[in-house]
Amino acid sequence: MLGTLDTLERFVDLYDIERLILAAGVDAEPVLLKQLRSFRYRGIELVDFVALNEEIAQEIPLDHIDDEWLFIASMNNSRFHIRRLKRLTDIFVSLVGLAVTSWLFPIVAFFIKIGSPGPVFYRQERLGRESVPFTIYKFRTMRQDAESVTGPVWAIEDDPRITPFGKFLRKSRIDEIPQLFNVLMGNMSLVGPRPEREVFIHKLSEKIPFYAERLLVPPGITGWAQVMYPYAASIEESRRKLQFDLYYIKHMSFFLDMYVLLKTSKTILFGHERAHQPKPAPATRPRHADVKTETLFFDPATGTPASEGGGPEHHRQIQHPT
């Protein structure tokens, strides 16, 4: 839009550029790579689309990564955090959490029993780290026969299978407190990708690239995807949540875990619902007078800016309806 590769150096010098954002992959452009290295050694920051998306949206765009990117991302994690600190934090926080919330168990059990027949606890097999199956524990929020007709289906917000008291448990996240026992047993961590059923993992792995990457780390009661995105009830929504999970897997640390736990604690203590993603505003064509763009015309021959007519103007304001 502003010129060719030959004019890039003059453009960088003329405007004292401090950061170059690469909108396209550089693998197929060895000439570009050679020139970009010289910029890097001059102190200019180079950012590709994945890094920019990671910085602004705090998720990883699936369509722009590969196995090499995932391997480099895995080198970002602290070995001490993965093998020692995370487990010690899980044990300490889960013990404290069970001690603080133990008085809730008989009260919740009473209201579950009077609300619908069936057991107090909900047990289901999920896949954990390295696809090892385990039994997850939750307070039951659905009718006992919730899947007798439909079979395994995704849970959604305002699910008709949820009991009235179950809605309160889900809204406050109290239904997930028994999973602290899973954390103590080592099946789960406090923070990580949500554990999923095997039937859904197989289905999603066929449709979503790198979905199995979630199984390389311990699953969590809560996670970055849970505090950043609402319930996933479709393949497309699961794909979006995976982008947040991949961000967590790359950046997981003690401080990120504490941040996620604090945000989750607000929900448990105050009953705040997870924020819904805003719906896009209806597309409206802007009025002619509302749109203004500043256009700079760059002259590759001289390496200086020029107006549309080639005069000495630095820039000119134009209006157009696009």
Protein backbone atom coordinates (compact mmCIF):
# COMPACT_ATOMS: atom_id res chain seq x y z
CA MET A 1 0.00 0.00 0.00
CA LEU A 2 2.83 2.41 0.80
CA GLY A 3 5.48 1.09 -1.53
CA THR A 4 7.64 -1.96 -2.20
CA LEU A 5 10.32 -3.79 -0.27
CA ASP A 6 12.90 -1.53 -1.91
CA THR A 7 11.37 1.56 -0.27
CA LEU A 8 10.91 0.02 3.18
CA GLU A 9 14.30 1.19 4.47
CA ARG A 10 13.70 4.80 3.44
CA PHE A 11 10.23 4.68 4.94
CA VAL A 12 11.58 3.36 8.28
CA ASP A 13 14.28 6.06 8.39
CA LEU A 14 11.97 8.88 7.34
CA TYR A 15 9.41 8.27 10.08
CA ASP A 16 11.76 6.91 12.76
CA ILE A 17 9.78 3.67 12.99
CA GLU A 18 10.15 1.84 16.32
CA ARG A 19 7.94 -1.19 15.66
CA LEU A 20 7.19 -3.17 12.52
CA ILE A 21 4.11 -5.41 12.50
CA LEU A 22 4.24 -8.24 10.00
CA ALA A 23 0.77 -8.94 8.63
CA ALA A 24 1.90 -12.02 6.67
CA GLY A 25 4.08 -15.00 7.48
CA VAL A 26 7.73 -14.53 6.70
CA ASP A 27 8.53 -18.17 5.86
CA ALA A 28 7.96 -17.66 2.14
CA GLU A 29 9.89 -14.37 1.97
CA PRO A 30 13.64 -14.99 2.49
CA VAL A 31 14.45 -11.57 1.02
CA LEU A 32 12.21 -9.96 3.59
CA LEU A 33 13.83 -11.98 6.38
CA LYS A 34 17.27 -10.72 5.42
CA GLN A 35 16.16 -7.11 5.50
CA LEU A 36 14.22 -7.53 8.73
CA ARG A 37 17.31 -8.85 10.50
CA SER A 38 19.09 -5.60 9.80
CA PHE A 39 16.17 -3.67 11.30
CA ARG A 40 16.25 -5.86 14.39
CA TYR A 41 19.93 -5.12 15.02
CA ARG A 42 19.15 -1.42 14.73
CA GLY A 43 16.77 -1.75 17.69
CA ILE A 44 13.48 -1.87 15.76
CA GLU A 45 10.93 -4.22 17.31
CA LEU A 46 9.46 -6.86 14.99
CA VAL A 47 6.04 -8.31 15.79
CA ASP A 48 4.16 -10.90 13.75
CA PHE A 49 0.39 -11.31 13.66
CA VAL A 50 0.32 -14.12 16.24
CA ALA A 51 2.33 -12.10 18.77
CA LEU A 52 0.20 -9.00 18.19
CA ASN A 53 -3.01 -11.00 18.63
CA GLU A 54 -1.53 -12.62 21.74
CA GLU A 55 -0.69 -9.21 23.20
CA ILE A 56 -4.01 -7.49 22.45
CA ALA A 57 -6.62 -10.27 22.63
CA GLN A 58 -4.72 -12.64 24.98
CA GLU A 59 -5.50 -15.66 22.85
CA ILE A 60 -3.68 -17.60 20.13
CA PRO A 61 -5.10 -17.55 16.56
CA LEU A 62 -5.30 -21.19 15.51
CA ASP A 63 -5.08 -20.48 11.79
CA HIS A 64 -1.64 -18.90 12.13
CA ILE A 65 0.32 -21.45 14.20
CA ASP A 66 1.90 -24.83 13.57
CA ASP A 67 3.77 -27.53 15.49
CA GLU A 68 6.99 -25.52 15.39
CA TRP A 69 5.23 -22.56 17.05
CA LEU A 70 3.76 -24.86 19.71
CA PHE A 71 7.18 -26.36 20.44
CA ILE A 72 8.77 -22.92 20.85
CA ALA A 73 5.85 -21.90 23.08
CA SER A 74 6.45 -24.93 25.30
CA MET A 75 9.96 -23.63 26.02
CA ASN A 76 8.39 -20.58 27.65
CA ASN A 77 7.19 -22.46 30.74
CA SER A 78 9.04 -22.62 34.02
CA ARG A 79 10.06 -26.21 34.84
CA PHE A 80 9.90 -25.45 38.57
CA HIS A 81 6.37 -24.11 38.28
CA ILE A 82 5.13 -27.10 36.29
CA ARG A 83 6.71 -29.79 38.48
CA ARG A 84 6.71 -28.28 41.98
CA LEU A 85 5.07 -24.92 42.63
CA LYS A 86 1.80 -25.65 40.81
CA ARG A 87 1.22 -28.88 42.74
CA LEU A 88 2.09 -27.31 46.11
CA THR A 89 -0.29 -24.43 45.37
CA ASP A 90 -3.04 -26.90 44.39
CA ILE A 91 -2.73 -28.83 47.64
CA PHE A 92 -2.61 -25.76 49.88
CA VAL A 93 -5.48 -23.87 48.23
CA SER A 94 -7.74 -26.92 47.92
CA LEU A 95 -7.27 -27.80 51.62
CA VAL A 96 -8.07 -24.23 52.63
CA GLY A 97 -11.00 -24.14 50.21
CA LEU A 98 -12.52 -27.36 51.59
CA ALA A 99 -12.07 -26.15 55.17
CA VAL A 100 -13.75 -22.82 54.43
CA THR A 101 -16.66 -24.29 52.43
CA SER A 102 -17.29 -27.50 54.44
CA TRP A 103 -20.32 -25.94 56.16
CA LEU A 104 -21.98 -25.59 52.74
CA PHE A 105 -22.05 -29.32 52.00
CA PRO A 106 -25.02 -30.36 54.21
CA ILE A 107 -27.02 -27.27 53.20
CA VAL A 108 -26.45 -27.85 49.48
CA ALA A 109 -27.19 -31.57 49.88
CA PHE A 110 -30.51 -30.78 51.58
CA PHE A 111 -31.73 -28.46 48.81
CA ILE A 112 -30.58 -30.81 46.06
CA LYS A 113 -32.57 -33.64 47.64
CA ILE A 114 -35.78 -31.67 48.05
CA GLY A 115 -35.43 -30.18 44.55
CA SER A 116 -35.26 -33.45 42.59
CA PRO A 117 -34.75 -37.16 43.30
CA GLY A 118 -31.30 -38.59 42.84
CA PRO A 119 -27.82 -38.47 44.33
CA VAL A 120 -26.26 -35.32 45.79
CA PHE A 121 -23.02 -35.66 43.86
CA TYR A 122 -22.65 -35.92 40.11
CA ARG A 123 -19.95 -38.32 38.93
CA GLN A 124 -18.69 -38.50 35.37
CA GLU A 125 -15.61 -39.83 33.61
CA ARG A 126 -13.38 -37.19 32.04
CA LEU A 127 -9.97 -37.27 30.38
CA GLY A 128 -7.09 -35.73 32.28
CA ARG A 129 -3.45 -35.11 31.50
CA GLU A 130 -2.11 -37.38 28.73
CA SER A 131 -5.67 -38.69 28.17
CA VAL A 132 -5.77 -40.56 31.49
CA PRO A 133 -9.45 -41.04 32.51
CA PHE A 134 -10.65 -40.05 35.97
CA THR A 135 -13.96 -39.50 37.76
CA ILE A 136 -14.93 -35.88 38.31
CA TYR A 137 -17.14 -34.85 41.26
CA LYS A 138 -19.66 -32.00 41.30
CA PHE A 139 -22.85 -31.13 43.10
CA ARG A 140 -25.70 -32.36 40.91
CA THR A 141 -27.43 -29.50 39.10
CA MET A 142 -29.47 -31.45 36.51
CA ARG A 143 -32.26 -33.94 36.67
CA GLN A 144 -31.03 -37.46 37.25
CA ASP A 145 -32.28 -38.60 33.82
CA ALA A 146 -30.92 -35.52 31.98
CA GLU A 147 -29.27 -37.53 29.17
CA SER A 148 -31.49 -40.60 29.11
CA VAL A 149 -33.11 -39.48 25.85
CA THR A 150 -30.58 -37.19 24.20
CA GLY A 151 -27.37 -39.02 25.11
CA PRO A 152 -24.17 -37.01 25.66
CA VAL A 153 -24.75 -33.37 24.71
CA TRP A 154 -23.07 -30.09 25.58
CA ALA A 155 -24.36 -28.20 28.59
CA ILE A 156 -25.46 -24.68 27.75
CA GLU A 157 -26.51 -21.66 29.74
CA ASP A 158 -30.24 -21.72 30.60
CA ASP A 159 -30.20 -25.46 29.94
CA PRO A 160 -33.76 -26.81 30.45
CA ARG A 161 -32.34 -29.92 32.11
CA ILE A 162 -31.03 -27.85 35.04
CA THR A 163 -33.10 -27.83 38.23
CA PRO A 164 -34.13 -24.48 39.81
CA PHE A 165 -31.62 -24.90 42.65
CA GLY A 166 -29.07 -26.13 40.12
CA LYS A 167 -29.27 -22.78 38.35
CA PHE A 168 -28.18 -21.06 41.55
CA LEU A 169 -25.35 -23.55 42.04
CA ARG A 170 -24.07 -22.97 38.52
CA LYS A 171 -24.41 -19.21 38.66
CA SER A 172 -22.39 -19.07 41.88
CA ARG A 173 -20.02 -21.88 40.78
CA ILE A 174 -20.76 -23.66 44.08
CA ASP A 175 -21.49 -26.84 42.10
CA GLU A 176 -17.78 -27.15 41.33
CA ILE A 177 -16.51 -27.06 44.93
CA PRO A 178 -16.38 -30.90 45.22
CA GLN A 179 -13.76 -30.87 42.47
CA LEU A 180 -11.33 -29.74 45.17
CA PHE A 181 -11.20 -33.45 46.07
CA ASN A 182 -10.07 -34.15 42.49
CA VAL A 183 -7.34 -31.56 42.97
CA LEU A 184 -6.15 -33.19 46.21
CA MET A 185 -6.04 -36.59 44.49
CA GLY A 186 -3.93 -35.12 41.69
CA ASN A 187 -6.46 -35.71 38.90
CA MET A 188 -6.88 -31.98 38.36
CA SER A 189 -5.25 -28.65 39.06
CA LEU A 190 -6.94 -25.51 40.32
CA VAL A 191 -6.26 -23.71 37.04
CA GLY A 192 -6.06 -25.25 33.59
CA PRO A 193 -8.17 -26.25 30.58
CA ARG A 194 -11.54 -27.68 31.58
CA PRO A 195 -11.61 -31.50 31.51
CA GLU A 196 -13.89 -32.90 28.84
CA ARG A 197 -15.54 -36.21 28.11
CA GLU A 198 -13.78 -38.62 25.78
CA VAL A 199 -16.61 -38.62 23.24
CA PHE A 200 -16.40 -34.84 22.88
CA ILE A 201 -12.60 -34.80 22.77
CA HIS A 202 -12.58 -37.24 19.86
CA LYS A 203 -15.23 -35.25 18.04
CA LEU A 204 -13.55 -31.88 18.59
CA SER A 205 -10.07 -33.20 17.75
CA GLU A 206 -11.36 -34.17 14.31
CA LYS A 207 -12.71 -30.67 13.68
CA ILE A 208 -10.29 -28.37 15.51
CA PRO A 209 -6.52 -28.39 14.93
CA PHE A 210 -4.32 -28.85 18.02
CA TYR A 211 -7.30 -29.56 20.27
CA ALA A 212 -5.40 -32.45 21.87
CA GLU A 213 -2.77 -29.92 23.04
CA ARG A 214 -5.08 -29.29 26.03
CA LEU A 215 -4.30 -32.82 27.26
CA LEU A 216 -0.60 -32.05 27.74
CA VAL A 217 -1.27 -30.15 30.98
CA PRO A 218 -3.46 -30.98 34.00
CA PRO A 219 -7.10 -29.94 33.60
CA GLY A 220 -8.43 -27.28 35.96
CA ILE A 221 -11.50 -26.38 37.97
CA THR A 222 -11.27 -22.96 36.40
CA GLY A 223 -9.07 -21.53 33.69
CA TRP A 224 -8.16 -18.64 31.45
CA ALA A 225 -10.77 -19.70 28.89
CA GLN A 226 -13.46 -19.85 31.59
CA VAL A 227 -12.87 -16.30 32.82
CA MET A 228 -12.48 -14.89 29.30
CA TYR A 229 -15.30 -16.65 27.43
CA PRO A 230 -18.78 -17.99 28.31
CA TYR A 231 -20.02 -21.55 27.89
CA ALA A 232 -19.02 -23.35 24.69
CA ALA A 233 -21.94 -25.24 23.16
CA SER A 234 -20.71 -25.67 19.59
CA ILE A 235 -17.59 -26.59 17.66
CA GLU A 236 -16.93 -22.96 16.73
CA GLU A 237 -17.22 -21.81 20.35
CA SER A 238 -14.95 -24.67 21.47
CA ARG A 239 -12.44 -23.54 18.87
CA ARG A 240 -12.49 -20.03 20.34
CA LYS A 241 -12.04 -21.35 23.87
CA LEU A 242 -9.08 -23.43 22.70
CA GLN A 243 -7.38 -20.22 21.58
CA PHE A 244 -7.59 -18.98 25.18
CA ASP A 245 -6.43 -22.37 26.50
CA LEU A 246 -3.36 -22.24 24.25
CA TYR A 247 -2.57 -18.76 25.60
CA TYR A 248 -2.71 -20.14 29.15
CA ILE A 249 -0.59 -23.19 28.28
CA LYS A 250 2.11 -20.92 26.88
CA HIS A 251 2.04 -18.38 29.71
CA MET A 252 1.01 -20.47 32.71
CA SER A 253 2.74 -19.30 35.84
CA PHE A 254 2.08 -18.81 39.53
CA PHE A 255 0.98 -15.21 39.00
CA LEU A 256 -1.37 -16.04 36.11
CA ASP A 257 -2.90 -18.84 38.19
CA MET A 258 -3.46 -16.43 41.09
CA TYR A 259 -5.09 -13.92 38.76
CA VAL A 260 -7.50 -16.55 37.41
CA LEU A 261 -8.31 -17.75 40.93
CA LEU A 262 -9.06 -14.21 42.11
CA LYS A 263 -11.43 -13.61 39.20
CA THR A 264 -13.12 -16.95 39.88
CA SER A 265 -13.37 -16.21 43.61
CA LYS A 266 -15.38 -13.08 42.84
CA THR A 267 -17.93 -15.28 41.08
CA ILE A 268 -18.11 -17.76 43.96
CA LEU A 269 -18.40 -15.06 46.64
CA PHE A 270 -20.67 -12.60 44.88
CA GLY A 271 -22.46 -14.76 42.32
CA HIS A 272 -21.36 -12.72 39.30
CA GLU A 273 -22.05 -14.38 35.99
CA ARG A 274 -19.33 -14.79 33.45
CA ALA A 275 -19.36 -11.95 31.00
CA HIS A 276 -21.07 -12.68 27.72
CA GLN A 277 -19.30 -11.79 24.53
CA PRO A 278 -20.84 -8.60 23.16
CA LYS A 279 -22.95 -9.03 20.07
CA PRO A 280 -21.66 -7.13 17.06
CA ALA A 281 -23.53 -3.94 16.32
CA PRO A 282 -25.72 -4.08 13.21
CA ALA A 283 -23.86 -2.99 10.13
CA THR A 284 -24.78 0.51 9.07
CA ARG A 285 -23.35 2.46 6.20
CA PRO A 286 -21.63 5.60 7.55
CA ARG A 287 -22.71 8.99 6.36
CA HIS A 288 -20.42 10.74 3.92
CA ALA A 289 -19.54 13.50 6.37
CA ASP A 290 -18.73 11.10 9.22
CA VAL A 291 -15.75 9.36 7.62
CA LYS A 292 -12.38 11.05 7.46
CA THR A 293 -9.08 9.42 6.62
CA GLU A 294 -5.60 10.87 6.52
CA THR A 295 -3.76 9.58 3.49
CA LEU A 296 -0.02 9.87 3.06
CA PHE A 297 1.31 9.46 -0.47
CA PHE A 298 4.86 8.10 -0.47
CA ASP A 299 7.10 8.74 -3.45
CA PRO A 300 9.38 5.67 -3.92
CA ALA A 301 11.63 7.58 -6.29
CA THR A 302 12.66 10.25 -3.81
CA GLY A 303 11.90 8.50 -0.53
CA THR A 304 9.84 11.47 0.64
CA PRO A 305 6.13 11.98 1.21
CA ALA A 306 4.13 13.81 -1.42
CA SER A 307 0.54 14.78 -2.06
CA GLU A 308 -1.67 13.05 -4.59
CA GLY A 309 -0.65 15.57 -7.21
CA GLY A 310 3.07 15.22 -6.47
CA GLY A 311 3.34 18.60 -4.71
CA PRO A 312 5.23 19.42 -1.52
CA GLU A 313 2.27 18.88 0.85
CA HIS A 314 2.97 16.55 3.74
CA HIS A 315 -0.56 15.12 3.74
CA ARG A 316 -4.12 16.04 2.87
CA GLN A 317 -7.48 15.25 4.44
CA ILE A 318 -10.02 13.50 2.24
CA GLN A 319 -13.57 12.35 2.80
CA HIS A 320 -15.17 9.31 1.26
CA PRO A 321 -18.15 7.06 2.02
CA THR A 322 -16.22 3.77 2.38
